[in-house]
Amino acid sequence: MSLLTLRPINTLSSFLAHEQLRDAAAVNRFFDSLPTSPNTSAQTNPQFDVVVLCGSAILSLGEDVFSALSGADPVLRQRNLILVICGGIGHSTPLMYAAVRRHPRYRVLADALDGQPPEARVLQMIAERWFGLTVKTRDDCDLAVPPEAFAPTIIVEDKSTNCGANALETKQVLDARGLTSPRSIVVVQDATMSRRTAACFEKAYEGIRKGPVVVTWPTFVPVVTLRHASVEPSDCVEHGIAHFEFDDTGPTGVRKAGLWEMRRFLDLLVGEIPRLRDDENGYGPRGKGFIGHVDVPVEVEEAWTTLTGALQTTTR
């Protein structure tokens, strides 16, 4: 029976989060680092960048993105920027509804959830009601990039039900508005699926000449620690899990509220690695072909083996 330890958990968490941009300031620096085509201008065929916010039960993702775009002095300002809020109704949508109903502010939306809105529409309600943002609708005449003010354009994709569909449906929504050549795509996704979602976007745009630079902004990397330093993890898995908690992490230095139940988080970690493998059972070119090749380092595979073995002790 494997001993459940912290190191494999945090190794997998860091790998899957694939944090390339730490906070909104880093997003700004990334945009500044991108080349500007000499053949474009704000008035004719402007270059634009895209931030994709994927629906999730981790509501702090949306809060971080919306905060960066709102207020008297938004961090992401003076940008030729498109925000796509994406997410339909999938197997994890009830978890998002539950998170909203538990939230001290957003729980007033409980009645609206009775109609089972898509995840993107839930985030739209939050963006408009609490952050003063305006989301474009299908009836808006002008859905193109604003040429003068460089104010972010916010649109919704509410059909996708998984990571691959997030990418394909987002591309379709952008293409339908004539936004076929983004300079970059910043993916904001649940940290346990961040790396895979970025790979899905790379796959969706692989046939585009001079396609977008795809990077990840998970907004934080989950770090698991012991509640008390003197407590050692136990060979009894459920007893060991009971002593785990998420550490104070993230750009703000404040523990994120509304995170996963610990057992679910660990199950998500071990479930993700087989999808990323480029073999007959994975999502890579040698398997289902949903994503391009992803290198899974030896230390990550070892962490997966250790954690998988430990978690399986509860079913033996």
Foldseek 3Di string as FASTA:
>chain_A
DFFDDQVLLQVLLCVLLQAPAFALLSVVVVVVPFDADPPAALVPPHAAEEEEEEFDLQCVLLVRVLQQQFDPDHVPFPGLYEYEYEWADAPCLVSNLVSQCPDPPSVVCNVVCVVVGTRSVSSVVCSCPPGVDDADDPPDPQQHRNSPRSRYHYYYHHDDHDLLSSQQSVCVVCVVNVNNAHQAYEYADQSLNFVVSLQSNCLNCVVPDNHHHYHYHPQKRWRKDFQDPVDDQDLQPVVRLVRIDTAQIGPVSHDRPSDDRSVVSLVSSLVVVQQQAQDCRHCEPNHVNSGHHDDDDPSSVVSSVSSVVSVCVVVD
